[in-house]
């Protein structure tokens, strides 16, 4: 998921450089959303992965 976030960020940077502001804004929004989802899933896996069964 982090990979897709970086890909959309690169697409947004290239689109902004070329002057496609609509595509750049959409790609940046998708990159932000994917990064936030990645962070939430990462934190959940850290919390649940530390539990030990006795």
C-alpha atoms as a PDB file:
ATOM      1  CA  UNK A   1       0.000   0.000   0.000  1.00  0.00           C
ATOM      2  CA  UNK A   2       2.881   2.348   0.714  1.00  0.00           C
ATOM      3  CA  UNK A   3       4.177   1.589  -2.773  1.00  0.00           C
ATOM      4  CA  UNK A   4       0.910   2.787  -4.339  1.00  0.00           C
ATOM      5  CA  UNK A   5       1.031   5.932  -2.237  1.00  0.00           C
ATOM      6  CA  UNK A   6       4.514   6.748  -3.549  1.00  0.00           C
ATOM      7  CA  UNK A   7       3.428   6.000  -7.127  1.00  0.00           C
ATOM      8  CA  UNK A   8       0.477   8.396  -6.893  1.00  0.00           C
ATOM      9  CA  UNK A   9       2.740  11.022  -5.320  1.00  0.00           C
ATOM     10  CA  UNK A  10       5.155  10.760  -8.259  1.00  0.00           C
ATOM     11  CA  UNK A  11       2.250  10.988 -10.716  1.00  0.00           C
ATOM     12  CA  UNK A  12       1.028  14.104  -8.897  1.00  0.00           C
ATOM     13  CA  UNK A  13       4.478  15.726  -9.057  1.00  0.00           C
ATOM     14  CA  UNK A  14       4.866  15.005 -12.767  1.00  0.00           C
ATOM     15  CA  UNK A  15       1.352  16.246 -13.535  1.00  0.00           C
ATOM     16  CA  UNK A  16       1.939  19.427 -11.527  1.00  0.00           C
ATOM     17  CA  UNK A  17       5.205  20.033 -13.366  1.00  0.00           C
ATOM     18  CA  UNK A  18       3.469  19.653 -16.722  1.00  0.00           C
ATOM     19  CA  UNK A  19       0.609  21.950 -15.696  1.00  0.00           C
ATOM     20  CA  UNK A  20      -2.219  19.452 -15.275  1.00  0.00           C
ATOM     21  CA  UNK A  21      -3.529  20.863 -12.013  1.00  0.00           C
ATOM     22  CA  UNK A  22      -6.696  18.735 -11.857  1.00  0.00           C
ATOM     23  CA  UNK A  23      -4.852  15.470 -12.280  1.00  0.00           C
ATOM     24  CA  UNK A  24      -2.153  16.594  -9.850  1.00  0.00           C
ATOM     25  CA  UNK A  25      -4.686  17.471  -7.145  1.00  0.00           C
ATOM     26  CA  UNK A  26      -6.536  14.191  -7.580  1.00  0.00           C
ATOM     27  CA  UNK A  27      -3.351  12.121  -7.487  1.00  0.00           C
ATOM     28  CA  UNK A  28      -2.096  13.975  -4.424  1.00  0.00           C
ATOM     29  CA  UNK A  29      -5.408  13.348  -2.668  1.00  0.00           C
ATOM     30  CA  UNK A  30      -5.268   9.643  -3.466  1.00  0.00           C
ATOM     31  CA  UNK A  31      -1.648   9.489  -2.252  1.00  0.00           C
ATOM     32  CA  UNK A  32      -2.629  11.133   1.051  1.00  0.00           C
ATOM     33  CA  UNK A  33      -5.551   8.769   1.524  1.00  0.00           C
ATOM     34  CA  UNK A  34      -3.468   5.660   0.802  1.00  0.00           C
ATOM     35  CA  UNK A  35      -0.729   6.847   3.145  1.00  0.00           C
ATOM     36  CA  UNK A  36      -3.223   7.389   5.971  1.00  0.00           C
ATOM     37  CA  UNK A  37      -4.721   3.940   5.405  1.00  0.00           C
ATOM     38  CA  UNK A  38      -1.209   2.482   5.459  1.00  0.00           C
ATOM     39  CA  UNK A  39      -0.445   4.235   8.759  1.00  0.00           C
ATOM     40  CA  UNK A  40      -3.646   3.021  10.389  1.00  0.00           C
ATOM     41  CA  UNK A  41      -3.082  -0.567   9.275  1.00  0.00           C
ATOM     42  CA  UNK A  42       0.548  -0.402  10.375  1.00  0.00           C
ATOM     43  CA  UNK A  43      -0.386   0.841  13.852  1.00  0.00           C
ATOM     44  CA  UNK A  44      -3.104  -1.787  14.212  1.00  0.00           C
ATOM     45  CA  UNK A  45      -0.658  -4.525  13.253  1.00  0.00           C
ATOM     46  CA  UNK A  46       1.874  -3.211  15.771  1.00  0.00           C
ATOM     47  CA  UNK A  47      -0.682  -3.204  18.572  1.00  0.00           C
ATOM     48  CA  UNK A  48      -2.146  -6.616  17.808  1.00  0.00           C
ATOM     49  CA  UNK A  49       1.210  -8.204  16.996  1.00  0.00           C
ATOM     50  CA  UNK A  50       2.655  -7.529  20.432  1.00  0.00           C
ATOM     51  CA  UNK A  51       0.048  -9.583  22.252  1.00  0.00           C
ATOM     52  CA  UNK A  52       1.242 -12.930  23.509  1.00  0.00           C
ATOM     53  CA  UNK A  53      -1.031 -15.838  24.177  1.00  0.00           C
ATOM     54  CA  UNK A  54      -0.478 -17.580  27.483  1.00  0.00           C
END
